[in-house]
Protein backbone atom coordinates (compact mmCIF):
# COMPACT_ATOMS: atom_id res chain seq x y z
CA MET A 1 186.43 63.67 -117.54
CA LYS A 2 183.55 64.27 -119.93
CA ALA A 3 184.47 61.15 -121.87
CA ARG A 4 184.49 59.07 -118.70
CA GLY A 5 181.17 60.58 -117.61
CA GLY A 6 179.65 59.86 -121.00
CA ARG A 7 180.96 56.29 -120.94
CA ALA A 8 179.48 55.76 -117.48
CA MET A 9 176.11 57.15 -118.58
CA ARG A 10 176.06 54.93 -121.67
CA LEU A 11 176.96 51.91 -119.58
CA ARG A 12 174.23 52.66 -117.04
CA GLY A 13 171.77 53.03 -119.87
CA LEU A 14 172.78 49.69 -121.41
CA VAL A 15 172.56 47.89 -118.07
CA ARG A 16 169.18 49.45 -117.32
CA LYS A 17 167.93 48.45 -120.77
CA GLU A 18 168.98 44.84 -120.20
CA PHE A 19 167.37 44.67 -116.77
CA LEU A 20 164.11 46.07 -118.17
CA GLN A 21 164.23 43.54 -120.99
CA ILE A 22 164.73 40.72 -118.49
CA LEU A 23 161.75 41.91 -116.44
CA ARG A 24 159.60 42.13 -119.57
CA ASP A 25 160.62 38.67 -120.75
CA PRO A 26 159.20 35.93 -118.47
CA SER A 27 161.26 33.25 -120.21
CA SER A 28 164.53 34.68 -118.88
CA ILE A 29 163.31 34.58 -115.30
CA ALA A 30 161.81 31.13 -115.88
CA ILE A 31 165.13 29.72 -117.10
CA ALA A 32 167.08 31.31 -114.26
CA PHE A 33 164.77 30.46 -111.36
CA VAL A 34 161.79 28.25 -112.28
CA MET A 35 163.92 25.79 -114.24
CA SER A 36 166.49 25.77 -111.44
CA VAL A 37 163.86 24.78 -108.90
CA ALA A 38 162.36 22.18 -111.24
CA LEU A 39 165.73 20.57 -111.96
CA LEU A 40 166.68 20.46 -108.29
CA LEU A 41 163.36 18.92 -107.29
CA LEU A 42 163.46 16.43 -110.17
CA PHE A 43 167.04 15.26 -109.66
CA GLY A 44 167.16 15.77 -105.91
CA TYR A 45 164.12 13.60 -105.26
CA GLY A 46 163.83 11.54 -108.44
CA LEU A 47 167.42 10.60 -109.25
CA SER A 48 169.43 8.54 -106.83
CA LEU A 49 172.42 6.28 -107.31
CA ASP A 50 171.77 4.65 -103.95
CA VAL A 51 170.38 1.13 -103.93
CA GLU A 52 167.93 0.42 -101.12
CA ARG A 53 165.18 -2.13 -100.59
CA VAL A 54 166.66 -4.42 -103.23
CA PRO A 55 164.19 -7.24 -104.00
CA VAL A 56 166.01 -10.50 -103.29
CA ALA A 57 164.64 -14.03 -103.60
CA LEU A 58 165.54 -16.30 -100.67
CA VAL A 59 165.46 -19.98 -101.48
CA ILE A 60 165.98 -22.16 -98.39
CA GLU A 61 165.70 -25.83 -99.25
CA GLN A 62 165.76 -27.11 -95.66
CA PRO A 63 164.76 -24.59 -92.95
CA SER A 64 166.79 -24.66 -89.75
CA ALA A 65 167.75 -22.36 -86.90
CA ASP A 66 170.89 -21.28 -88.78
CA SER A 67 169.03 -20.61 -92.03
CA ALA A 68 166.34 -18.67 -90.13
CA ASP A 69 169.04 -16.55 -88.51
CA PHE A 70 170.59 -16.04 -91.93
CA ALA A 71 167.28 -14.94 -93.46
CA ALA A 72 166.62 -12.59 -90.53
CA SER A 73 169.83 -10.72 -91.30
CA PHE A 74 168.37 -9.83 -94.71
CA GLU A 75 164.90 -9.08 -93.45
CA GLY A 76 166.22 -6.62 -90.89
CA SER A 77 168.35 -4.70 -93.39
CA ARG A 78 167.17 -1.51 -95.08
CA TYR A 79 169.13 -2.49 -98.17
CA PHE A 80 167.10 -5.60 -98.95
CA SER A 81 163.50 -6.56 -99.44
CA PRO A 82 163.72 -10.38 -99.24
CA ARG A 83 161.03 -12.61 -100.65
CA ARG A 84 160.81 -16.28 -99.59
CA MET A 85 160.42 -18.61 -102.57
CA PRO A 86 159.90 -22.39 -102.46
CA ASP A 87 162.42 -23.48 -105.11
CA MET A 88 164.99 -22.30 -107.61
CA GLY A 89 162.58 -22.63 -110.53
CA THR A 90 160.22 -20.06 -109.06
CA ALA A 91 163.11 -17.80 -108.12
CA SER A 92 164.64 -18.05 -111.61
CA GLU A 93 161.32 -17.06 -113.18
CA ALA A 94 161.10 -14.07 -110.82
CA LEU A 95 164.65 -13.04 -111.75
CA LEU A 96 163.87 -13.38 -115.45
CA ALA A 97 160.70 -11.32 -115.05
CA GLY A 98 162.61 -8.59 -113.23
CA SER A 99 160.60 -8.81 -110.01
CA VAL A 100 163.80 -9.60 -108.06
CA ASP A 101 167.37 -8.47 -108.66
CA ALA A 102 169.16 -11.41 -107.07
CA ILE A 103 168.73 -14.92 -105.70
CA VAL A 104 170.29 -16.19 -102.47
CA HIS A 105 170.16 -19.98 -102.38
CA LEU A 106 170.83 -22.14 -99.30
CA ARG A 107 171.07 -25.80 -100.19
CA GLY A 108 169.56 -28.56 -98.09
CA GLU A 109 172.85 -29.47 -96.43
CA PHE A 110 173.55 -25.87 -95.38
CA ALA A 111 173.05 -26.45 -91.64
CA ALA A 112 175.23 -29.55 -91.57
CA ARG A 113 178.00 -28.18 -93.74
CA GLU A 114 178.00 -24.84 -91.89
CA ARG A 115 179.40 -26.65 -88.84
CA SER A 116 181.97 -28.67 -90.78
CA ALA A 117 185.55 -27.67 -91.44
CA ALA A 118 184.88 -27.26 -95.15
CA GLY A 119 182.04 -24.83 -94.53
CA ALA A 120 178.79 -24.37 -96.42
CA ALA A 121 178.40 -22.74 -99.80
CA VAL A 122 175.86 -19.98 -100.40
CA GLN A 123 174.82 -19.55 -104.00
CA VAL A 124 174.23 -15.95 -105.09
CA ILE A 125 172.84 -15.13 -108.55
CA VAL A 126 172.61 -11.48 -109.60
CA ASN A 127 170.77 -10.04 -112.56
CA GLY A 128 173.57 -8.47 -114.61
CA VAL A 129 171.48 -6.68 -117.27
CA ASP A 130 172.16 -3.37 -115.52
CA ALA A 131 175.88 -3.76 -114.84
CA ASN A 132 176.12 -0.81 -112.44
CA ASN A 133 173.17 -1.96 -110.36
CA ALA A 134 174.49 -5.54 -110.42
CA ARG A 135 177.85 -4.44 -108.99
CA LEU A 136 176.12 -2.51 -106.22
CA VAL A 137 173.82 -5.41 -105.35
CA GLU A 138 176.75 -7.83 -105.41
CA GLY A 139 178.70 -5.63 -103.02
CA TYR A 140 175.73 -5.32 -100.66
CA LEU A 141 175.21 -9.08 -100.67
CA GLU A 142 178.87 -9.77 -99.94
CA GLY A 143 178.76 -7.28 -97.08
CA ALA A 144 175.62 -8.84 -95.66
CA LEU A 145 177.11 -12.32 -95.84
CA SER A 146 180.34 -11.22 -94.17
CA THR A 147 178.45 -9.43 -91.41
CA TRP A 148 176.23 -12.43 -90.74
CA LEU A 149 179.23 -14.76 -90.67
CA ALA A 150 181.06 -12.61 -88.13
CA GLN A 151 177.96 -12.21 -85.92
CA HIS A 152 177.13 -15.91 -86.15
CA ALA A 153 180.63 -16.92 -85.10
CA SER A 154 180.71 -14.35 -82.30
CA ALA A 155 177.38 -15.58 -80.92
CA LYS A 156 178.85 -19.07 -80.60
CA GLY A 157 182.04 -17.82 -79.02
CA LEU A 158 184.11 -18.76 -82.04
CA ASP A 159 186.56 -16.75 -84.06
CA ALA A 160 185.19 -15.76 -87.41
CA PRO A 161 187.03 -17.66 -90.17
CA ILE A 162 188.32 -14.41 -91.58
CA PRO A 163 192.08 -13.81 -91.10
CA VAL A 164 191.81 -10.02 -91.57
CA ARG A 165 189.18 -7.79 -90.04
CA ILE A 166 188.32 -4.82 -92.20
CA GLU A 167 186.91 -1.68 -90.61
CA HIS A 168 185.36 0.69 -93.12
CA ARG A 169 185.49 4.42 -92.59
CA VAL A 170 184.04 6.76 -95.20
CA TRP A 171 185.23 10.36 -95.20
CA TYR A 172 183.34 13.46 -96.37
CA ASN A 173 180.09 11.60 -97.12
CA PRO A 174 179.79 9.02 -94.33
CA ASP A 175 176.15 8.21 -95.08
CA LEU A 176 177.05 7.45 -98.71
CA ARG A 177 174.12 9.54 -99.92
CA SER A 178 174.34 10.05 -103.68
CA ARG A 179 172.19 13.16 -103.23
CA ASN A 180 175.09 14.84 -101.42
CA PHE A 181 177.13 14.53 -104.61
CA LEU A 182 174.42 14.97 -107.25
CA VAL A 183 172.80 18.13 -105.89
CA PRO A 184 176.04 20.19 -105.83
CA GLY A 185 176.69 18.96 -109.36
CA LEU A 186 173.28 20.25 -110.37
CA VAL A 187 174.38 23.74 -109.30
CA VAL A 188 176.94 23.51 -112.12
CA VAL A 189 174.31 22.45 -114.66
CA ILE A 190 171.92 25.20 -113.56
CA MET A 191 174.58 27.90 -113.79
CA THR A 192 175.57 26.58 -117.22
CA LEU A 193 171.97 26.84 -118.41
CA THR A 194 171.52 30.32 -116.95
CA GLY A 195 174.82 31.65 -118.22
CA ALA A 196 175.32 30.06 -121.63
CA LEU A 197 171.90 29.01 -122.91
CA LEU A 198 169.98 32.05 -121.68
CA THR A 199 172.58 34.54 -122.90
CA ALA A 200 172.94 32.85 -126.29
CA MET A 201 169.17 32.80 -126.84
CA VAL A 202 168.57 36.39 -125.76
CA MET A 203 171.43 37.81 -127.81
CA ALA A 204 170.41 35.81 -130.88
CA ARG A 205 166.87 37.16 -130.46
CA GLU A 206 168.24 40.68 -130.66
CA TRP A 207 170.04 39.83 -133.88
CA GLU A 208 166.81 38.40 -135.32
CA ARG A 209 164.76 41.44 -134.34
CA GLY A 210 167.35 43.90 -135.59
CA THR A 211 167.85 45.64 -132.25
CA MET A 212 171.52 44.67 -132.21
CA GLU A 213 172.15 46.45 -135.49
CA ALA A 214 170.38 49.51 -134.10
CA LEU A 215 172.65 49.38 -131.08
CA LEU A 216 175.77 49.05 -133.23
CA VAL A 217 175.10 52.30 -135.11
CA THR A 218 175.06 54.29 -131.85
CA PRO A 219 178.23 55.85 -130.40
CA VAL A 220 178.69 52.91 -128.03
CA ALA A 221 181.98 50.99 -127.90
CA ALA A 222 182.11 47.22 -128.25
CA GLY A 223 183.45 46.89 -124.70
CA GLU A 224 180.52 48.88 -123.33
CA ILE A 225 178.06 46.65 -125.17
CA LEU A 226 179.83 43.58 -123.80
CA VAL A 227 179.78 44.83 -120.21
CA GLY A 228 176.19 46.01 -120.56
CA LYS A 229 175.18 42.52 -121.65
CA LEU A 230 177.25 40.72 -119.02
CA LEU A 231 176.25 42.52 -115.83
CA PRO A 232 172.46 41.86 -115.83
CA TYR A 233 172.85 38.18 -116.67
CA PHE A 234 175.69 37.86 -114.21
CA VAL A 235 173.35 39.11 -111.47
CA LEU A 236 170.64 36.73 -112.75
CA GLY A 237 173.07 33.80 -112.71
CA ILE A 238 174.30 34.57 -109.20
CA GLY A 239 170.67 34.77 -108.06
CA GLY A 240 170.00 31.32 -109.51
CA MET A 241 173.14 29.99 -107.83
CA LEU A 242 172.13 31.37 -104.43
CA LEU A 243 168.67 29.84 -104.79
CA SER A 244 170.22 26.47 -105.73
CA VAL A 245 172.64 26.53 -102.81
CA ALA A 246 169.84 27.45 -100.39
CA MET A 247 167.70 24.53 -101.64
CA ALA A 248 170.68 22.16 -101.49
CA ARG A 249 171.48 23.18 -97.93
CA TRP A 250 168.05 23.45 -96.32
CA LEU A 251 165.74 21.35 -98.49
CA PHE A 252 167.99 18.39 -99.33
CA GLY A 253 170.24 18.61 -96.27
CA VAL A 254 173.51 18.69 -98.22
CA PRO A 255 176.27 19.93 -95.90
CA LEU A 256 178.33 22.97 -96.88
CA VAL A 257 181.63 22.30 -95.14
CA GLY A 258 183.70 24.89 -96.98
CA SER A 259 183.47 28.67 -97.09
CA PHE A 260 180.32 30.14 -98.62
CA TRP A 261 182.26 33.20 -99.76
CA LEU A 262 184.79 31.00 -101.53
CA LEU A 263 181.92 29.20 -103.21
CA LEU A 264 180.50 32.55 -104.30
CA ALA A 265 183.86 33.71 -105.66
CA THR A 266 184.55 30.55 -107.66
CA SER A 267 180.95 30.53 -108.91
CA SER A 268 181.46 34.06 -110.21
CA VAL A 269 184.50 32.94 -112.20
CA PHE A 270 182.61 29.98 -113.67
CA LEU A 271 179.65 32.19 -114.50
CA LEU A 272 181.94 34.50 -116.48
CA VAL A 273 183.01 31.46 -118.51
CA ALA A 274 179.39 30.46 -119.16
CA LEU A 275 178.40 34.02 -120.08
CA GLY A 276 181.40 34.33 -122.38
CA MET A 277 180.43 31.10 -124.13
CA GLY A 278 176.83 32.25 -124.52
CA LEU A 279 177.85 35.63 -125.93
CA LEU A 280 180.36 34.00 -128.28
CA ILE A 281 177.76 31.54 -129.56
CA SER A 282 175.22 34.31 -130.16
CA SER A 283 177.78 36.47 -131.98
CA VAL A 284 178.50 33.62 -134.40
CA ALA A 285 175.06 31.97 -134.70
CA LYS A 286 172.60 34.85 -135.02
CA SER A 287 169.52 32.62 -134.97
CA GLN A 288 167.73 31.58 -131.77
CA TYR A 289 167.27 28.04 -133.03
CA VAL A 290 170.90 27.59 -134.04
CA ALA A 291 172.20 29.34 -130.92
CA GLY A 292 170.03 27.17 -128.67
CA GLN A 293 171.18 23.94 -130.33
CA VAL A 294 174.83 24.93 -130.24
CA ALA A 295 174.56 26.00 -126.59
CA LEU A 296 172.94 22.70 -125.58
CA ILE A 297 175.55 20.61 -127.39
CA THR A 298 178.60 22.58 -126.25
CA THR A 299 177.59 23.49 -122.69
CA PHE A 300 174.66 21.57 -121.21
CA LEU A 301 175.48 18.05 -122.46
CA PRO A 302 179.18 18.25 -121.49
CA ALA A 303 178.19 19.65 -118.09
CA PHE A 304 175.91 16.69 -117.58
CA LEU A 305 177.97 13.87 -119.12
CA LEU A 306 181.64 14.87 -119.07
CA SER A 307 181.99 16.87 -115.86
CA GLY A 308 182.20 13.96 -113.42
CA MET A 309 178.80 14.83 -111.97
CA ILE A 310 177.35 11.39 -112.75
CA PHE A 311 180.08 9.41 -114.50
CA GLU A 312 183.49 9.16 -112.85
CA ILE A 313 186.09 10.79 -115.10
CA GLY A 314 188.79 8.37 -113.95
CA ASN A 315 186.77 5.46 -115.37
CA MET A 316 186.48 7.05 -118.83
CA PRO A 317 188.77 6.10 -121.73
CA ALA A 318 191.96 8.15 -122.02
CA VAL A 319 190.74 10.02 -125.08
CA VAL A 320 187.49 11.05 -123.37
CA ARG A 321 189.40 12.06 -120.23
CA ALA A 322 191.54 14.36 -122.37
CA ILE A 323 188.44 15.87 -123.99
CA THR A 324 186.89 16.68 -120.61
CA HIS A 325 189.65 19.26 -120.02
CA LEU A 326 188.07 21.41 -122.73
CA PHE A 327 184.87 21.95 -120.76
CA ALA A 328 184.60 24.36 -117.85
CA ALA A 329 182.04 22.26 -115.99
CA ARG A 330 184.72 19.65 -115.28
CA TYR A 331 186.71 22.11 -113.19
CA PHE A 332 183.72 23.63 -111.44
CA VAL A 333 182.23 20.25 -110.43
CA ALA A 334 185.52 19.45 -108.68
CA ILE A 335 185.40 22.81 -106.87
CA VAL A 336 181.73 22.63 -105.84
CA THR A 337 181.76 19.05 -104.58
CA THR A 338 184.97 19.73 -102.64
CA LEU A 339 183.57 22.85 -101.00
CA PHE A 340 180.28 21.17 -100.11
CA LEU A 341 181.63 17.88 -98.79
CA ALA A 342 185.34 18.21 -97.96
CA GLY A 343 185.93 21.91 -97.22
CA ASP A 344 188.47 24.48 -98.41
CA VAL A 345 190.95 22.14 -100.04
CA TRP A 346 193.25 24.60 -101.77
CA SER A 347 195.10 21.95 -103.78
CA VAL A 348 191.79 21.33 -105.58
CA ILE A 349 190.32 24.82 -105.60
CA VAL A 350 193.30 26.86 -106.78
CA PRO A 351 194.29 24.97 -109.98
CA ASN A 352 190.67 24.49 -111.06
CA THR A 353 189.84 28.16 -110.46
CA LEU A 354 192.90 29.24 -112.46
CA ALA A 355 191.76 27.02 -115.33
CA LEU A 356 188.31 28.65 -115.19
CA ALA A 357 189.86 32.14 -115.13
CA LEU A 358 191.92 31.32 -118.21
CA MET A 359 188.85 30.02 -120.04
CA ALA A 360 186.90 33.15 -119.07
CA LEU A 361 189.62 35.36 -120.56
CA ILE A 362 189.65 33.31 -123.76
CA PHE A 363 185.88 33.32 -124.30
CA LEU A 364 185.38 36.96 -123.34
CA GLY A 365 188.32 37.96 -125.53
CA LEU A 366 186.90 36.10 -128.53
CA THR A 367 183.49 37.62 -127.86
CA TRP A 368 184.93 41.13 -127.71
CA ARG A 369 186.77 40.52 -130.96
CA ASN A 370 183.62 39.29 -132.75
CA ALA A 371 181.38 41.96 -131.25
CA ARG A 372 183.47 44.96 -132.25
CA LYS A 373 181.42 47.76 -133.66
CA ARG A 374 180.87 46.81 -137.26
CA LEU A 375 177.97 45.72 -139.44
CA GLU A 376 178.28 42.61 -141.55
């Protein structure tokens, strides 16, 4: 009983020491909360994969009622910002200068050919320097042309010359807002920064200042040191997660379809992985500079580039897809986006959470092994 009481007292003392150190160190609170808010505001408002108000050059060689109706379909769309240009030379110069992203060209015989059996051709030229943007613009233009064709035929009481009518229905993100996908992904990046980078830097600082050696010569077990380090930063990480979720929900209007408590539980498992990685990095690299660089390379960059937050994993080469399985952010992005947009889909949540739990056991086990009470 006395041993258990002494262990509990030592653990309380370690946890209290860490909390006091966090309160005395503004950088820890800044990374956990101020950086979280800054990243959410920057990416939530500044980064968008949506394409709206695309500048398009309209070249109509011979104006007519049909061409005016065609141009009006672009001018009334929120996806385009059409600009009338007198000829293809002017439009080509604008495309080359980057002032427009595409050219829509109606030849002089458009009105006459539009009523013929052969139909009229519409020339569309897209700036392909940015391939992703070009594909989006091309898709929008094709959709606008198809919509105008169907409406034009319907207004004349004719059947649209399209044998199959396609009705689009988008599930889980019907407005196709990229913010609904990016902001939940940012929760993963923020928790990675709070858990891995912050823990690695703080622990490495203790090695540099010699306070870790002083702690190792006390009658404190390695497990007690590990728990004493984990608990305060676990609370700090959960606080940053709650702040991020609140901003996502009420500031950016991202829906949370799934269970909040399930989100909290899976976030706790992921945070243990991040904390374990940070502690492991600091136990190997006992310099703040080295620990910070290693943490950025092994946690932050993979969370940003290889998690599926921005780049679709299915479109990556097979080798890169295999490498993504080594990073915890890949599993947590799948969980978070599913909970926010689709709901409690257990076929996604369960296997990814089990993978995170396994990684947490591995990293914490390696950390405990390296942090056993010994001086090197």
